[in-house]
Amino acid sequence: MPPQDLLALRNQFERHNILLAFNGLFSATLIEEIGLALRKHLEALSATPTEVTDVFTIYIEMTQNIRHYATSKNLSDSQASGTITISREQDHYIINAGNVVDIADGEVLLQRIHHLAGLDKTGLKALWKTQMRQPRQAGASSGAGLGLIDMARKASRPLAASFNRLDDRSGFFSLQVVL
């Protein structure tokens, strides 16, 4: 990257009030270290304890989802990397995360997000309770979508997502949570 491109990147960060950005492989150690730095950074910016906890919780959920997906699909390093940004807009924190996924997985995720976005707080709570009562499938790597439901419940706006096809087998899935 030429030095002048770094200035353009910095300007974009400033324009979008990006507090933290990462692009690459999410190891368990890296998720933890970035999480600790995120907490300290938010505290230094005088975020309330609730804001710090909520942003941290969403960050952990999103990065672990990226890591678990890459592991479950045995993706190469170039395919397994993810991107996350955390920004501030007026009274809200915005967490965006994305990664490369199989087309079928991306389309299912997109439908799931659109369904959750259409529910109000009461509907999300009812769905969460229903999911909690469901038996967990043997060998399941996740809590049957509880993480997505929990993020939707914490969010101050409906979840937003996009899916951009990269080729005939994969695409880039992006999720936005506004707190």
C-alpha atoms as a PDB file:
ATOM      1  CA  MET A   1       0.000   0.000   0.000  1.00  0.00           C
ATOM      2  CA  PRO A   2       1.508   3.325  -0.978  1.00  0.00           C
ATOM      3  CA  PRO A   3       1.818   5.846   1.878  1.00  0.00           C
ATOM      4  CA  GLN A   4      -0.797   8.137   0.351  1.00  0.00           C
ATOM      5  CA  ASP A   5      -3.323   5.280   0.475  1.00  0.00           C
ATOM      6  CA  LEU A   6      -2.846   5.136   4.231  1.00  0.00           C
ATOM      7  CA  LEU A   7      -3.911   8.777   4.453  1.00  0.00           C
ATOM      8  CA  ALA A   8      -7.022   7.992   2.405  1.00  0.00           C
ATOM      9  CA  LEU A   9      -7.781   5.094   4.752  1.00  0.00           C
ATOM     10  CA  ARG A  10      -7.284   7.341   7.788  1.00  0.00           C
ATOM     11  CA  ASN A  11      -9.585   9.961   6.263  1.00  0.00           C
ATOM     12  CA  GLN A  12     -12.253   7.335   5.716  1.00  0.00           C
ATOM     13  CA  PHE A  13     -11.894   6.197   9.339  1.00  0.00           C
ATOM     14  CA  GLU A  14     -12.304   9.801  10.487  1.00  0.00           C
ATOM     15  CA  ARG A  15     -15.283  10.417   8.188  1.00  0.00           C
ATOM     16  CA  HIS A  16     -17.097   7.346   9.567  1.00  0.00           C
ATOM     17  CA  ASN A  17     -15.947   7.827  13.194  1.00  0.00           C
ATOM     18  CA  ILE A  18     -14.311   4.395  13.233  1.00  0.00           C
ATOM     19  CA  LEU A  19     -12.872   3.626  16.655  1.00  0.00           C
ATOM     20  CA  LEU A  20     -11.487   0.197  15.800  1.00  0.00           C
ATOM     21  CA  ALA A  21     -10.937  -1.775  12.612  1.00  0.00           C
ATOM     22  CA  PHE A  22      -9.394  -5.167  11.957  1.00  0.00           C
ATOM     23  CA  ASN A  23      -9.042  -7.287   8.847  1.00  0.00           C
ATOM     24  CA  GLY A  24      -7.445 -10.720   8.973  1.00  0.00           C
ATOM     25  CA  LEU A  25      -7.573 -14.080  10.717  1.00  0.00           C
ATOM     26  CA  PHE A  26      -9.369 -14.192  14.069  1.00  0.00           C
ATOM     27  CA  SER A  27      -7.507 -16.523  16.420  1.00  0.00           C
ATOM     28  CA  ALA A  28      -8.885 -17.024  19.932  1.00  0.00           C
ATOM     29  CA  THR A  29      -5.932 -15.092  21.350  1.00  0.00           C
ATOM     30  CA  LEU A  30      -6.360 -12.218  18.916  1.00  0.00           C
ATOM     31  CA  ILE A  31     -10.096 -11.963  19.629  1.00  0.00           C
ATOM     32  CA  GLU A  32      -9.283 -11.740  23.339  1.00  0.00           C
ATOM     33  CA  GLU A  33      -6.482  -9.178  22.936  1.00  0.00           C
ATOM     34  CA  ILE A  34      -8.485  -6.914  20.632  1.00  0.00           C
ATOM     35  CA  GLY A  35     -11.424  -7.253  23.015  1.00  0.00           C
ATOM     36  CA  LEU A  36      -9.320  -6.069  25.954  1.00  0.00           C
ATOM     37  CA  ALA A  37      -8.001  -3.141  23.916  1.00  0.00           C
ATOM     38  CA  LEU A  38     -11.562  -2.315  22.833  1.00  0.00           C
ATOM     39  CA  ARG A  39     -12.775  -2.237  26.451  1.00  0.00           C
ATOM     40  CA  LYS A  40      -9.930   0.063  27.502  1.00  0.00           C
ATOM     41  CA  HIS A  41     -10.451   2.326  24.490  1.00  0.00           C
ATOM     42  CA  LEU A  42     -14.187   2.669  25.180  1.00  0.00           C
ATOM     43  CA  GLU A  43     -13.520   3.377  28.855  1.00  0.00           C
ATOM     44  CA  ALA A  44     -10.990   6.055  27.861  1.00  0.00           C
ATOM     45  CA  LEU A  45     -13.699   7.622  25.675  1.00  0.00           C
ATOM     46  CA  SER A  46     -15.958   7.765  28.775  1.00  0.00           C
ATOM     47  CA  ALA A  47     -18.419   5.151  27.542  1.00  0.00           C
ATOM     48  CA  THR A  48     -20.808   3.985  30.236  1.00  0.00           C
ATOM     49  CA  PRO A  49     -20.218   0.528  31.754  1.00  0.00           C
ATOM     50  CA  THR A  50     -23.359  -0.717  29.976  1.00  0.00           C
ATOM     51  CA  GLU A  51     -22.121   0.593  26.617  1.00  0.00           C
ATOM     52  CA  VAL A  52     -18.708  -1.011  27.142  1.00  0.00           C
ATOM     53  CA  THR A  53     -20.301  -4.358  28.013  1.00  0.00           C
ATOM     54  CA  ASP A  54     -22.788  -4.285  25.128  1.00  0.00           C
ATOM     55  CA  VAL A  55     -20.203  -3.316  22.489  1.00  0.00           C
ATOM     56  CA  PHE A  56     -17.780  -5.928  23.843  1.00  0.00           C
ATOM     57  CA  THR A  57     -20.477  -8.639  23.856  1.00  0.00           C
ATOM     58  CA  ILE A  58     -21.464  -7.935  20.244  1.00  0.00           C
ATOM     59  CA  TYR A  59     -17.791  -7.783  19.184  1.00  0.00           C
ATOM     60  CA  ILE A  60     -17.130 -11.191  20.788  1.00  0.00           C
ATOM     61  CA  GLU A  61     -20.231 -12.777  19.240  1.00  0.00           C
ATOM     62  CA  MET A  62     -19.427 -11.504  15.748  1.00  0.00           C
ATOM     63  CA  THR A  63     -15.728 -12.388  15.770  1.00  0.00           C
ATOM     64  CA  GLN A  64     -16.355 -15.832  17.250  1.00  0.00           C
ATOM     65  CA  ASN A  65     -19.005 -16.474  14.591  1.00  0.00           C
ATOM     66  CA  ILE A  66     -16.439 -15.657  11.897  1.00  0.00           C
ATOM     67  CA  ARG A  67     -13.823 -17.872  13.540  1.00  0.00           C
ATOM     68  CA  HIS A  68     -16.218 -20.789  14.092  1.00  0.00           C
ATOM     69  CA  TYR A  69     -17.468 -20.611  10.509  1.00  0.00           C
ATOM     70  CA  ALA A  70     -13.934 -20.680   9.101  1.00  0.00           C
ATOM     71  CA  THR A  71     -13.019 -23.608  11.350  1.00  0.00           C
ATOM     72  CA  SER A  72     -16.170 -25.595  10.555  1.00  0.00           C
ATOM     73  CA  LYS A  73     -15.576 -25.202   6.804  1.00  0.00           C
ATOM     74  CA  ASN A  74     -11.799 -25.824   6.952  1.00  0.00           C
ATOM     75  CA  LEU A  75     -11.207 -22.632   4.983  1.00  0.00           C
ATOM     76  CA  SER A  76      -7.806 -21.504   3.770  1.00  0.00           C
ATOM     77  CA  ASP A  77      -6.268 -18.474   5.483  1.00  0.00           C
ATOM     78  CA  SER A  78      -7.257 -16.172   2.624  1.00  0.00           C
ATOM     79  CA  GLN A  79     -10.872 -17.358   2.804  1.00  0.00           C
ATOM     80  CA  ALA A  80     -11.001 -17.515   6.614  1.00  0.00           C
ATOM     81  CA  SER A  81     -10.180 -13.892   7.288  1.00  0.00           C
ATOM     82  CA  GLY A  82     -12.824 -11.495   8.478  1.00  0.00           C
ATOM     83  CA  THR A  83     -13.316  -7.784   8.842  1.00  0.00           C
ATOM     84  CA  ILE A  84     -14.756  -5.849  11.765  1.00  0.00           C
ATOM     85  CA  THR A  85     -15.239  -2.156  12.434  1.00  0.00           C
ATOM     86  CA  ILE A  86     -16.623  -0.381  15.461  1.00  0.00           C
ATOM     87  CA  SER A  87     -17.708   3.201  15.052  1.00  0.00           C
ATOM     88  CA  ARG A  88     -19.602   5.893  16.902  1.00  0.00           C
ATOM     89  CA  GLU A  89     -22.482   7.862  15.391  1.00  0.00           C
ATOM     90  CA  GLN A  90     -24.164  10.401  17.671  1.00  0.00           C
ATOM     91  CA  ASP A  91     -25.576   8.315  20.558  1.00  0.00           C
ATOM     92  CA  HIS A  92     -24.967   4.928  18.940  1.00  0.00           C
ATOM     93  CA  TYR A  93     -22.159   2.432  18.530  1.00  0.00           C
ATOM     94  CA  ILE A  94     -22.140   0.615  15.198  1.00  0.00           C
ATOM     95  CA  ILE A  95     -20.485  -2.778  14.884  1.00  0.00           C
ATOM     96  CA  ASN A  96     -19.979  -4.132  11.351  1.00  0.00           C
ATOM     97  CA  ALA A  97     -18.473  -7.530  10.648  1.00  0.00           C
ATOM     98  CA  GLY A  98     -18.088  -9.576   7.515  1.00  0.00           C
ATOM     99  CA  ASN A  99     -16.470 -12.633   6.029  1.00  0.00           C
ATOM    100  CA  VAL A 100     -16.501 -14.908   3.004  1.00  0.00           C
ATOM    101  CA  VAL A 101     -19.148 -17.649   3.177  1.00  0.00           C
ATOM    102  CA  ASP A 102     -20.613 -20.280   0.870  1.00  0.00           C
ATOM    103  CA  ILE A 103     -23.480 -18.895  -1.217  1.00  0.00           C
ATOM    104  CA  ALA A 104     -26.053 -21.207   0.383  1.00  0.00           C
ATOM    105  CA  ASP A 105     -24.913 -20.238   3.890  1.00  0.00           C
ATOM    106  CA  GLY A 106     -24.958 -16.534   3.029  1.00  0.00           C
ATOM    107  CA  GLU A 107     -28.467 -16.691   1.626  1.00  0.00           C
ATOM    108  CA  VAL A 108     -29.765 -18.554   4.689  1.00  0.00           C
ATOM    109  CA  LEU A 109     -28.090 -16.029   6.994  1.00  0.00           C
ATOM    110  CA  LEU A 110     -29.518 -13.120   5.027  1.00  0.00           C
ATOM    111  CA  GLN A 111     -33.037 -14.578   5.293  1.00  0.00           C
ATOM    112  CA  ARG A 112     -32.549 -15.142   9.031  1.00  0.00           C
ATOM    113  CA  ILE A 113     -31.403 -11.546   9.561  1.00  0.00           C
ATOM    114  CA  HIS A 114     -34.340 -10.175   7.545  1.00  0.00           C
ATOM    115  CA  HIS A 115     -36.721 -12.282   9.650  1.00  0.00           C
ATOM    116  CA  LEU A 116     -35.187 -10.993  12.897  1.00  0.00           C
ATOM    117  CA  ALA A 117     -35.229  -7.406  11.605  1.00  0.00           C
ATOM    118  CA  GLY A 118     -38.983  -7.701  11.113  1.00  0.00           C
ATOM    119  CA  LEU A 119     -39.655  -8.599  14.745  1.00  0.00           C
ATOM    120  CA  ASP A 120     -40.277  -6.106  17.531  1.00  0.00           C
ATOM    121  CA  LYS A 121     -38.742  -6.472  21.014  1.00  0.00           C
ATOM    122  CA  THR A 122     -41.646  -8.647  22.198  1.00  0.00           C
ATOM    123  CA  GLY A 123     -41.325 -10.929  19.175  1.00  0.00           C
ATOM    124  CA  LEU A 124     -37.559 -11.219  19.652  1.00  0.00           C
ATOM    125  CA  LYS A 125     -38.015 -12.108  23.321  1.00  0.00           C
ATOM    126  CA  ALA A 126     -40.602 -14.778  22.453  1.00  0.00           C
ATOM    127  CA  LEU A 127     -38.326 -16.235  19.763  1.00  0.00           C
ATOM    128  CA  TRP A 128     -35.392 -16.259  22.198  1.00  0.00           C
ATOM    129  CA  LYS A 129     -37.481 -18.144  24.797  1.00  0.00           C
ATOM    130  CA  THR A 130     -38.637 -20.644  22.172  1.00  0.00           C
ATOM    131  CA  GLN A 131     -35.054 -21.258  21.022  1.00  0.00           C
ATOM    132  CA  MET A 132     -33.891 -21.682  24.623  1.00  0.00           C
ATOM    133  CA  ARG A 133     -36.440 -24.469  25.129  1.00  0.00           C
ATOM    134  CA  GLN A 134     -35.365 -26.346  22.002  1.00  0.00           C
ATOM    135  CA  PRO A 135     -33.037 -29.308  22.545  1.00  0.00           C
ATOM    136  CA  ARG A 136     -29.599 -28.678  21.156  1.00  0.00           C
ATOM    137  CA  GLN A 137     -28.713 -30.885  18.226  1.00  0.00           C
ATOM    138  CA  ALA A 138     -25.834 -33.294  18.760  1.00  0.00           C
ATOM    139  CA  GLY A 139     -22.696 -31.921  17.141  1.00  0.00           C
ATOM    140  CA  ALA A 140     -24.154 -28.444  16.700  1.00  0.00           C
ATOM    141  CA  SER A 141     -21.454 -25.796  16.749  1.00  0.00           C
ATOM    142  CA  SER A 142     -23.748 -23.014  17.865  1.00  0.00           C
ATOM    143  CA  GLY A 143     -26.664 -22.315  20.124  1.00  0.00           C
ATOM    144  CA  ALA A 144     -29.284 -22.588  17.358  1.00  0.00           C
ATOM    145  CA  GLY A 145     -29.050 -18.925  16.426  1.00  0.00           C
ATOM    146  CA  LEU A 146     -29.306 -17.602  19.976  1.00  0.00           C
ATOM    147  CA  GLY A 147     -26.355 -15.288  19.355  1.00  0.00           C
ATOM    148  CA  LEU A 148     -28.142 -13.594  16.452  1.00  0.00           C
ATOM    149  CA  ILE A 149     -31.343 -13.284  18.454  1.00  0.00           C
ATOM    150  CA  ASP A 150     -29.430 -11.875  21.423  1.00  0.00           C
ATOM    151  CA  MET A 151     -27.708  -9.307  19.191  1.00  0.00           C
ATOM    152  CA  ALA A 152     -31.085  -8.306  17.732  1.00  0.00           C
ATOM    153  CA  ARG A 153     -32.498  -7.911  21.245  1.00  0.00           C
ATOM    154  CA  LYS A 154     -29.606  -5.667  22.327  1.00  0.00           C
ATOM    155  CA  ALA A 155     -29.695  -3.562  19.155  1.00  0.00           C
ATOM    156  CA  SER A 156     -31.370  -0.157  19.088  1.00  0.00           C
ATOM    157  CA  ARG A 157     -32.262  -0.636  15.400  1.00  0.00           C
ATOM    158  CA  PRO A 158     -33.135  -3.731  13.364  1.00  0.00           C
ATOM    159  CA  LEU A 159     -30.113  -5.795  12.306  1.00  0.00           C
ATOM    160  CA  ALA A 160     -28.924  -5.030   8.783  1.00  0.00           C
ATOM    161  CA  ALA A 161     -27.052  -7.388   6.482  1.00  0.00           C
ATOM    162  CA  SER A 162     -25.810  -7.691   2.935  1.00  0.00           C
ATOM    163  CA  PHE A 163     -24.469 -10.506   0.806  1.00  0.00           C
ATOM    164  CA  ASN A 164     -22.294  -9.848  -2.238  1.00  0.00           C
ATOM    165  CA  ARG A 165     -21.435 -12.772  -4.496  1.00  0.00           C
ATOM    166  CA  LEU A 166     -17.742 -13.109  -5.236  1.00  0.00           C
ATOM    167  CA  ASP A 167     -17.931 -16.072  -7.615  1.00  0.00           C
ATOM    168  CA  ASP A 168     -20.193 -19.068  -8.298  1.00  0.00           C
ATOM    169  CA  ARG A 169     -19.461 -20.654  -4.883  1.00  0.00           C
ATOM    170  CA  SER A 170     -18.926 -17.876  -2.352  1.00  0.00           C
ATOM    171  CA  GLY A 171     -19.840 -14.372  -1.324  1.00  0.00           C
ATOM    172  CA  PHE A 172     -19.062 -11.777   1.309  1.00  0.00           C
ATOM    173  CA  PHE A 173     -21.604 -11.617   4.127  1.00  0.00           C
ATOM    174  CA  SER A 174     -21.783  -8.390   6.167  1.00  0.00           C
ATOM    175  CA  LEU A 175     -23.756  -7.813   9.356  1.00  0.00           C
ATOM    176  CA  GLN A 176     -24.404  -4.516  11.120  1.00  0.00           C
ATOM    177  CA  VAL A 177     -25.559  -4.118  14.715  1.00  0.00           C
ATOM    178  CA  VAL A 178     -26.390  -0.643  16.018  1.00  0.00           C
ATOM    179  CA  LEU A 179     -26.446  -0.227  19.790  1.00  0.00           C
END
